[in-house]
Amino acid sequence: MNEIDAVTKREQDYEVTNCTHDSSYFINKFLRVEEVDGPRGVMLDTPKEELVEIMENEQLTIGRYPRVYGKTTTLVGFAIHKALFLGKTVLYSSVNAVRRIGFLREVSYSYRNLPTWMQKPHREGPEGFWLDDGGRIRPIAAGTTWDVEGIRFDYIIFDEIGGLQHGFNVDQFIHATKLNKAKMAIVGTFKPDAPVIGKIWSDARLKKTGWASLPSFNEEWKVETVLSLSDKRYSEGY
């Protein structure tokens, strides 16, 4: 039994209460990611904490980050938090099935490394991660809303789909989101002139058409500098 498992019932209740009301607290204290030498904790910096906050408070959100920045890990923590503590249904999509399966694998690993007293009975597979008391994390394709027909959901997240040229009908997903009184977020690495997503980014920076972007990354030169440092292709006109 590790130290985080060996706490009293009173301490457990205290932690559950804190986690329920503060998703960043949960991610920072309890989320674990897989490393070669075993599970490692996560510490959110200011931009990631802002991402979590804006996803919780805005109906339509877009966040732009460099590669290997830890954004998907942040989304894993966000999804687990909503499913585990609030019984919410979170839909996750990315540009291909490999990334969607990888996301579910991260969810599974992180969940299994939570304190045993925090975990609940669940089942998991290619169709998603299902908590017996109601919380859901489900993968969907990134094209049209066929995959969400008839599904009640609370959050829908699109991760790294900025390179899609065709086949992503944003308006359909916005409509489905509003019908469900849910929240939708697009998070990824993309150029401001990328098809579809670039236009949303521009609108979000100006708070147009209902989209919101992150305060920390609303200076274009700063984003471009970070992207170029993290991925040289961006400095070569990628």
C-alpha atoms as a PDB file:
ATOM      1  CA  MET A   1       0.000   0.000   0.000  1.00  0.00           C
ATOM      2  CA  ASN A   2       1.447   3.380  -0.981  1.00  0.00           C
ATOM      3  CA  GLU A   3       1.221   6.562   1.069  1.00  0.00           C
ATOM      4  CA  ILE A   4      -1.664   8.021  -0.915  1.00  0.00           C
ATOM      5  CA  ASP A   5      -3.724   4.877  -0.294  1.00  0.00           C
ATOM      6  CA  ALA A   6      -2.985   4.782   3.437  1.00  0.00           C
ATOM      7  CA  VAL A   7      -5.267   7.605   4.551  1.00  0.00           C
ATOM      8  CA  THR A   8      -8.156   7.665   6.982  1.00  0.00           C
ATOM      9  CA  LYS A   9     -11.803   7.716   5.970  1.00  0.00           C
ATOM     10  CA  ARG A  10     -11.980  11.347   7.032  1.00  0.00           C
ATOM     11  CA  GLU A  11      -9.020  12.199   4.819  1.00  0.00           C
ATOM     12  CA  GLN A  12     -10.576  10.276   1.941  1.00  0.00           C
ATOM     13  CA  ASP A  13     -13.810  12.254   2.242  1.00  0.00           C
ATOM     14  CA  TYR A  14     -11.813  15.475   2.360  1.00  0.00           C
ATOM     15  CA  GLU A  15      -9.914  14.586  -0.806  1.00  0.00           C
ATOM     16  CA  VAL A  16     -13.037  13.490  -2.680  1.00  0.00           C
ATOM     17  CA  THR A  17     -14.733  16.774  -1.790  1.00  0.00           C
ATOM     18  CA  ASN A  18     -11.733  18.783  -2.956  1.00  0.00           C
ATOM     19  CA  CYS A  19     -11.458  16.803  -6.186  1.00  0.00           C
ATOM     20  CA  THR A  20     -15.173  17.066  -6.940  1.00  0.00           C
ATOM     21  CA  HIS A  21     -15.074  20.855  -6.798  1.00  0.00           C
ATOM     22  CA  ASP A  22     -11.661  21.396  -8.398  1.00  0.00           C
ATOM     23  CA  SER A  23     -10.577  19.381 -11.415  1.00  0.00           C
ATOM     24  CA  SER A  24      -7.117  20.973 -11.485  1.00  0.00           C
ATOM     25  CA  TYR A  25      -6.599  19.879  -7.878  1.00  0.00           C
ATOM     26  CA  PHE A  26      -7.504  16.320  -8.855  1.00  0.00           C
ATOM     27  CA  ILE A  27      -5.171  16.298 -11.864  1.00  0.00           C
ATOM     28  CA  ASN A  28      -2.246  17.823  -9.981  1.00  0.00           C
ATOM     29  CA  LYS A  29      -2.522  15.550  -6.949  1.00  0.00           C
ATOM     30  CA  PHE A  30      -3.836  12.223  -8.230  1.00  0.00           C
ATOM     31  CA  LEU A  31      -3.350  11.825 -11.992  1.00  0.00           C
ATOM     32  CA  ARG A  32      -0.495   9.522 -13.000  1.00  0.00           C
ATOM     33  CA  VAL A  33       0.987   9.000 -16.462  1.00  0.00           C
ATOM     34  CA  GLU A  34       3.025   6.084 -17.697  1.00  0.00           C
ATOM     35  CA  GLU A  35       6.801   6.403 -17.867  1.00  0.00           C
ATOM     36  CA  VAL A  36       9.574   3.854 -18.448  1.00  0.00           C
ATOM     37  CA  ASP A  37      10.366   3.717 -14.738  1.00  0.00           C
ATOM     38  CA  GLY A  38       6.708   3.644 -13.645  1.00  0.00           C
ATOM     39  CA  PRO A  39       3.843   6.075 -13.030  1.00  0.00           C
ATOM     40  CA  ARG A  40       4.667   9.764 -12.755  1.00  0.00           C
ATOM     41  CA  GLY A  41       2.575  12.586 -11.349  1.00  0.00           C
ATOM     42  CA  VAL A  42       1.315  15.539 -13.365  1.00  0.00           C
ATOM     43  CA  MET A  43       1.692  19.235 -12.551  1.00  0.00           C
ATOM     44  CA  LEU A  44      -0.393  21.645 -14.600  1.00  0.00           C
ATOM     45  CA  ASP A  45       1.167  24.954 -15.595  1.00  0.00           C
ATOM     46  CA  THR A  46      -0.915  28.109 -15.989  1.00  0.00           C
ATOM     47  CA  PRO A  47      -1.972  27.575 -19.637  1.00  0.00           C
ATOM     48  CA  LYS A  48      -3.196  24.057 -18.902  1.00  0.00           C
ATOM     49  CA  GLU A  49      -5.076  25.180 -15.799  1.00  0.00           C
ATOM     50  CA  GLU A  50      -6.700  27.866 -17.925  1.00  0.00           C
ATOM     51  CA  LEU A  51      -7.636  25.236 -20.498  1.00  0.00           C
ATOM     52  CA  VAL A  52      -9.387  23.188 -17.827  1.00  0.00           C
ATOM     53  CA  GLU A  53     -11.162  26.272 -16.496  1.00  0.00           C
ATOM     54  CA  ILE A  54     -12.365  27.524 -19.857  1.00  0.00           C
ATOM     55  CA  MET A  55     -13.574  24.061 -20.904  1.00  0.00           C
ATOM     56  CA  GLU A  56     -15.709  23.993 -17.772  1.00  0.00           C
ATOM     57  CA  ASN A  57     -17.144  27.491 -18.210  1.00  0.00           C
ATOM     58  CA  GLU A  58     -17.503  28.063 -21.962  1.00  0.00           C
ATOM     59  CA  GLN A  59     -19.803  26.132 -24.263  1.00  0.00           C
ATOM     60  CA  LEU A  60     -17.419  26.382 -27.250  1.00  0.00           C
ATOM     61  CA  THR A  61     -13.660  26.398 -26.625  1.00  0.00           C
ATOM     62  CA  ILE A  62     -10.554  26.188 -28.760  1.00  0.00           C
ATOM     63  CA  GLY A  63      -7.005  25.878 -27.441  1.00  0.00           C
ATOM     64  CA  ARG A  64      -3.796  25.978 -29.474  1.00  0.00           C
ATOM     65  CA  TYR A  65      -0.621  24.372 -28.103  1.00  0.00           C
ATOM     66  CA  PRO A  66       2.756  23.066 -29.264  1.00  0.00           C
ATOM     67  CA  ARG A  67       3.351  19.381 -29.730  1.00  0.00           C
ATOM     68  CA  VAL A  68       4.540  17.277 -26.796  1.00  0.00           C
ATOM     69  CA  TYR A  69       3.124  19.894 -24.441  1.00  0.00           C
ATOM     70  CA  GLY A  70       0.986  17.524 -22.396  1.00  0.00           C
ATOM     71  CA  LYS A  71      -2.381  18.717 -23.668  1.00  0.00           C
ATOM     72  CA  THR A  72      -3.728  15.190 -24.242  1.00  0.00           C
ATOM     73  CA  THR A  73      -2.702  14.183 -20.723  1.00  0.00           C
ATOM     74  CA  THR A  74      -4.610  17.218 -19.448  1.00  0.00           C
ATOM     75  CA  LEU A  75      -7.653  16.055 -21.433  1.00  0.00           C
ATOM     76  CA  VAL A  76      -7.305  12.570 -19.925  1.00  0.00           C
ATOM     77  CA  GLY A  77      -7.420  14.063 -16.430  1.00  0.00           C
ATOM     78  CA  PHE A  78     -10.344  16.294 -17.368  1.00  0.00           C
ATOM     79  CA  ALA A  79     -12.333  13.341 -18.768  1.00  0.00           C
ATOM     80  CA  ILE A  80     -11.648  11.099 -15.760  1.00  0.00           C
ATOM     81  CA  HIS A  81     -12.626  13.890 -13.391  1.00  0.00           C
ATOM     82  CA  LYS A  82     -15.959  14.509 -15.101  1.00  0.00           C
ATOM     83  CA  ALA A  83     -16.831  10.812 -15.352  1.00  0.00           C
ATOM     84  CA  LEU A  84     -15.649   9.787 -11.881  1.00  0.00           C
ATOM     85  CA  PHE A  85     -16.797  12.652  -9.670  1.00  0.00           C
ATOM     86  CA  LEU A  86     -19.721  14.101 -11.610  1.00  0.00           C
ATOM     87  CA  GLY A  87     -21.086  11.085 -13.491  1.00  0.00           C
ATOM     88  CA  LYS A  88     -20.767  12.894 -16.832  1.00  0.00           C
ATOM     89  CA  THR A  89     -20.471  11.490 -20.349  1.00  0.00           C
ATOM     90  CA  VAL A  90     -17.377  12.710 -22.184  1.00  0.00           C
ATOM     91  CA  LEU A  91     -16.961  12.063 -25.910  1.00  0.00           C
ATOM     92  CA  TYR A  92     -13.416  12.143 -27.298  1.00  0.00           C
ATOM     93  CA  SER A  93     -12.339  12.364 -30.912  1.00  0.00           C
ATOM     94  CA  SER A  94      -9.119  12.717 -32.838  1.00  0.00           C
ATOM     95  CA  VAL A  95      -7.922  12.552 -36.407  1.00  0.00           C
ATOM     96  CA  ASN A  96      -7.544   8.766 -36.472  1.00  0.00           C
ATOM     97  CA  ALA A  97      -8.437   5.609 -34.586  1.00  0.00           C
ATOM     98  CA  VAL A  98      -4.869   5.131 -33.307  1.00  0.00           C
ATOM     99  CA  ARG A  99      -5.000   8.359 -31.313  1.00  0.00           C
ATOM    100  CA  ARG A 100      -8.474   7.534 -30.010  1.00  0.00           C
ATOM    101  CA  ILE A 101      -7.321   4.116 -28.806  1.00  0.00           C
ATOM    102  CA  GLY A 102      -4.219   5.716 -27.298  1.00  0.00           C
ATOM    103  CA  PHE A 103      -6.408   8.149 -25.366  1.00  0.00           C
ATOM    104  CA  LEU A 104      -8.479   5.291 -23.920  1.00  0.00           C
ATOM    105  CA  ARG A 105      -5.285   3.490 -22.977  1.00  0.00           C
ATOM    106  CA  GLU A 106      -4.103   6.581 -21.071  1.00  0.00           C
ATOM    107  CA  VAL A 107      -7.474   6.828 -19.343  1.00  0.00           C
ATOM    108  CA  SER A 108      -7.238   3.185 -18.297  1.00  0.00           C
ATOM    109  CA  TYR A 109      -3.659   3.497 -17.017  1.00  0.00           C
ATOM    110  CA  SER A 110      -4.338   6.703 -15.093  1.00  0.00           C
ATOM    111  CA  TYR A 111      -7.521   5.305 -13.571  1.00  0.00           C
ATOM    112  CA  ARG A 112      -5.795   2.127 -12.390  1.00  0.00           C
ATOM    113  CA  ASN A 113      -3.173   4.281 -10.672  1.00  0.00           C
ATOM    114  CA  LEU A 114      -5.675   6.296  -8.666  1.00  0.00           C
ATOM    115  CA  PRO A 115      -5.914   5.443  -4.953  1.00  0.00           C
ATOM    116  CA  THR A 116      -7.956   2.266  -4.562  1.00  0.00           C
ATOM    117  CA  TRP A 117     -10.461   4.047  -2.291  1.00  0.00           C
ATOM    118  CA  MET A 118     -11.147   6.577  -5.058  1.00  0.00           C
ATOM    119  CA  GLN A 119     -11.846   4.030  -7.786  1.00  0.00           C
ATOM    120  CA  LYS A 120     -15.324   2.686  -8.607  1.00  0.00           C
ATOM    121  CA  PRO A 121     -16.413  -0.494 -10.403  1.00  0.00           C
ATOM    122  CA  HIS A 122     -16.071  -0.029 -14.142  1.00  0.00           C
ATOM    123  CA  ARG A 123     -15.684  -1.789 -17.463  1.00  0.00           C
ATOM    124  CA  GLU A 124     -13.607  -0.792 -20.449  1.00  0.00           C
ATOM    125  CA  GLY A 125     -12.918  -1.768 -24.029  1.00  0.00           C
ATOM    126  CA  PRO A 126     -12.620  -0.319 -27.555  1.00  0.00           C
ATOM    127  CA  GLU A 127     -16.078   1.227 -27.154  1.00  0.00           C
ATOM    128  CA  GLY A 128     -14.986   3.268 -24.164  1.00  0.00           C
ATOM    129  CA  PHE A 129     -14.604   3.499 -20.411  1.00  0.00           C
ATOM    130  CA  TRP A 130     -17.838   2.959 -18.432  1.00  0.00           C
ATOM    131  CA  LEU A 131     -18.268   3.519 -14.714  1.00  0.00           C
ATOM    132  CA  ASP A 132     -21.042   1.406 -13.244  1.00  0.00           C
ATOM    133  CA  ASP A 133     -22.645   4.406 -11.550  1.00  0.00           C
ATOM    134  CA  GLY A 134     -23.022   6.377 -14.772  1.00  0.00           C
ATOM    135  CA  GLY A 135     -19.819   8.146 -15.841  1.00  0.00           C
ATOM    136  CA  ARG A 136     -18.755   7.521 -19.451  1.00  0.00           C
ATOM    137  CA  ILE A 137     -15.732   8.236 -21.649  1.00  0.00           C
ATOM    138  CA  ARG A 138     -16.398   7.284 -25.266  1.00  0.00           C
ATOM    139  CA  PRO A 139     -14.383   7.667 -28.487  1.00  0.00           C
ATOM    140  CA  ILE A 140     -16.077   8.940 -31.645  1.00  0.00           C
ATOM    141  CA  ALA A 141     -14.971   9.582 -35.225  1.00  0.00           C
ATOM    142  CA  ALA A 142     -14.099  13.152 -36.194  1.00  0.00           C
ATOM    143  CA  GLY A 143     -16.199  13.416 -39.347  1.00  0.00           C
ATOM    144  CA  THR A 144     -19.928  13.988 -39.005  1.00  0.00           C
ATOM    145  CA  THR A 145     -22.338  13.636 -36.126  1.00  0.00           C
ATOM    146  CA  TRP A 146     -23.414  10.093 -37.041  1.00  0.00           C
ATOM    147  CA  ASP A 147     -21.428   8.785 -34.072  1.00  0.00           C
ATOM    148  CA  VAL A 148     -23.316  10.993 -31.621  1.00  0.00           C
ATOM    149  CA  GLU A 149     -26.827  10.380 -32.904  1.00  0.00           C
ATOM    150  CA  GLY A 150     -29.008   9.343 -29.978  1.00  0.00           C
ATOM    151  CA  ILE A 151     -26.208   9.789 -27.428  1.00  0.00           C
ATOM    152  CA  ARG A 152     -26.688  12.083 -24.469  1.00  0.00           C
ATOM    153  CA  PHE A 153     -23.375  13.710 -23.618  1.00  0.00           C
ATOM    154  CA  ASP A 154     -22.043  16.496 -21.431  1.00  0.00           C
ATOM    155  CA  TYR A 155     -18.675  17.205 -23.038  1.00  0.00           C
ATOM    156  CA  ILE A 156     -17.255  16.578 -26.486  1.00  0.00           C
ATOM    157  CA  ILE A 157     -13.509  17.013 -27.058  1.00  0.00           C
ATOM    158  CA  PHE A 158     -11.646  17.098 -30.373  1.00  0.00           C
ATOM    159  CA  ASP A 159      -7.910  16.550 -29.995  1.00  0.00           C
ATOM    160  CA  GLU A 160      -5.400  17.251 -32.810  1.00  0.00           C
ATOM    161  CA  ILE A 161      -7.749  17.517 -35.789  1.00  0.00           C
ATOM    162  CA  GLY A 162      -6.410  20.808 -37.157  1.00  0.00           C
ATOM    163  CA  GLY A 163      -4.918  19.150 -40.240  1.00  0.00           C
ATOM    164  CA  LEU A 164      -8.223  17.843 -41.546  1.00  0.00           C
ATOM    165  CA  GLN A 165      -8.923  19.225 -45.006  1.00  0.00           C
ATOM    166  CA  HIS A 166     -12.396  17.785 -45.361  1.00  0.00           C
ATOM    167  CA  GLY A 167     -14.929  15.711 -43.501  1.00  0.00           C
ATOM    168  CA  PHE A 168     -15.229  17.694 -40.297  1.00  0.00           C
ATOM    169  CA  ASN A 169     -18.571  19.449 -40.070  1.00  0.00           C
ATOM    170  CA  VAL A 170     -18.113  21.852 -37.185  1.00  0.00           C
ATOM    171  CA  ASP A 171     -21.618  23.273 -37.426  1.00  0.00           C
ATOM    172  CA  GLN A 172     -23.168  19.815 -37.014  1.00  0.00           C
ATOM    173  CA  PHE A 173     -21.231  19.201 -33.817  1.00  0.00           C
ATOM    174  CA  ILE A 174     -22.062  22.661 -32.474  1.00  0.00           C
ATOM    175  CA  HIS A 175     -25.737  21.917 -33.101  1.00  0.00           C
ATOM    176  CA  ALA A 176     -25.505  18.534 -31.324  1.00  0.00           C
ATOM    177  CA  THR A 177     -23.639  20.166 -28.441  1.00  0.00           C
ATOM    178  CA  LYS A 178     -26.296  22.821 -27.942  1.00  0.00           C
ATOM    179  CA  LEU A 179     -29.116  20.280 -28.209  1.00  0.00           C
ATOM    180  CA  ASN A 180     -27.494  18.364 -25.346  1.00  0.00           C
ATOM    181  CA  LYS A 181     -26.810  21.552 -23.376  1.00  0.00           C
ATOM    182  CA  ALA A 182     -23.245  20.279 -23.411  1.00  0.00           C
ATOM    183  CA  LYS A 183     -19.799  21.823 -23.887  1.00  0.00           C
ATOM    184  CA  MET A 184     -17.457  21.351 -26.849  1.00  0.00           C
ATOM    185  CA  ALA A 185     -13.701  21.906 -27.091  1.00  0.00           C
ATOM    186  CA  ILE A 186     -11.162  21.710 -29.905  1.00  0.00           C
ATOM    187  CA  VAL A 187      -7.591  21.369 -28.651  1.00  0.00           C
ATOM    188  CA  GLY A 188      -4.511  20.872 -30.778  1.00  0.00           C
ATOM    189  CA  THR A 189      -1.512  22.106 -32.709  1.00  0.00           C
ATOM    190  CA  PHE A 190      -2.455  24.003 -35.853  1.00  0.00           C
ATOM    191  CA  LYS A 191      -1.530  27.004 -37.960  1.00  0.00           C
ATOM    192  CA  PRO A 192      -3.851  30.025 -37.864  1.00  0.00           C
ATOM    193  CA  ASP A 193      -4.655  29.513 -41.559  1.00  0.00           C
ATOM    194  CA  ALA A 194      -5.451  25.794 -41.200  1.00  0.00           C
ATOM    195  CA  PRO A 195      -8.693  24.782 -42.939  1.00  0.00           C
ATOM    196  CA  VAL A 196     -11.781  25.037 -40.722  1.00  0.00           C
ATOM    197  CA  ILE A 197      -9.923  25.120 -37.421  1.00  0.00           C
ATOM    198  CA  GLY A 198      -7.915  28.226 -38.277  1.00  0.00           C
ATOM    199  CA  LYS A 199     -11.107  30.218 -38.838  1.00  0.00           C
ATOM    200  CA  ILE A 200     -12.476  29.084 -35.478  1.00  0.00           C
ATOM    201  CA  TRP A 201      -9.222  30.110 -33.803  1.00  0.00           C
ATOM    202  CA  SER A 202      -9.476  33.591 -35.320  1.00  0.00           C
ATOM    203  CA  ASP A 203     -13.101  33.924 -34.213  1.00  0.00           C
ATOM    204  CA  ALA A 204     -12.295  32.684 -30.713  1.00  0.00           C
ATOM    205  CA  ARG A 205      -9.566  35.265 -30.194  1.00  0.00           C
ATOM    206  CA  LEU A 206     -12.136  37.963 -30.952  1.00  0.00           C
ATOM    207  CA  LYS A 207     -14.875  36.213 -28.939  1.00  0.00           C
ATOM    208  CA  LYS A 208     -16.994  35.867 -32.073  1.00  0.00           C
ATOM    209  CA  THR A 209     -19.754  33.348 -32.881  1.00  0.00           C
ATOM    210  CA  GLY A 210     -19.723  31.923 -29.374  1.00  0.00           C
ATOM    211  CA  TRP A 211     -16.130  30.621 -29.370  1.00  0.00           C
ATOM    212  CA  ALA A 212     -13.645  31.325 -26.598  1.00  0.00           C
ATOM    213  CA  SER A 213      -9.858  30.936 -26.652  1.00  0.00           C
ATOM    214  CA  LEU A 214      -7.241  30.902 -23.935  1.00  0.00           C
ATOM    215  CA  PRO A 215      -5.998  34.211 -22.498  1.00  0.00           C
ATOM    216  CA  SER A 216      -2.414  32.954 -22.249  1.00  0.00           C
ATOM    217  CA  PHE A 217      -2.195  32.115 -25.921  1.00  0.00           C
ATOM    218  CA  ASN A 218      -3.971  35.055 -27.521  1.00  0.00           C
ATOM    219  CA  GLU A 219      -0.742  36.671 -28.720  1.00  0.00           C
ATOM    220  CA  GLU A 220       0.010  35.122 -32.090  1.00  0.00           C
ATOM    221  CA  TRP A 221       3.734  35.818 -32.044  1.00  0.00           C
ATOM    222  CA  LYS A 222       4.076  33.987 -28.728  1.00  0.00           C
ATOM    223  CA  VAL A 223       2.249  30.920 -30.016  1.00  0.00           C
ATOM    224  CA  GLU A 224       4.296  30.833 -33.202  1.00  0.00           C
ATOM    225  CA  THR A 225       7.534  31.118 -31.231  1.00  0.00           C
ATOM    226  CA  VAL A 226       6.617  28.224 -28.945  1.00  0.00           C
ATOM    227  CA  LEU A 227       5.443  26.070 -31.844  1.00  0.00           C
ATOM    228  CA  SER A 228       8.644  26.711 -33.792  1.00  0.00           C
ATOM    229  CA  LEU A 229      10.790  25.774 -30.811  1.00  0.00           C
ATOM    230  CA  SER A 230       8.849  22.563 -30.173  1.00  0.00           C
ATOM    231  CA  ASP A 231       8.495  21.451 -33.788  1.00  0.00           C
ATOM    232  CA  LYS A 232      10.980  22.737 -36.363  1.00  0.00           C
ATOM    233  CA  ARG A 233       8.518  22.139 -39.185  1.00  0.00           C
ATOM    234  CA  TYR A 234       6.628  25.218 -38.031  1.00  0.00           C
ATOM    235  CA  SER A 235       9.675  27.400 -38.582  1.00  0.00           C
ATOM    236  CA  GLU A 236       9.975  26.002 -42.123  1.00  0.00           C
ATOM    237  CA  GLY A 237       6.549  27.074 -43.268  1.00  0.00           C
ATOM    238  CA  TYR A 238       4.801  23.834 -42.269  1.00  0.00           C
END
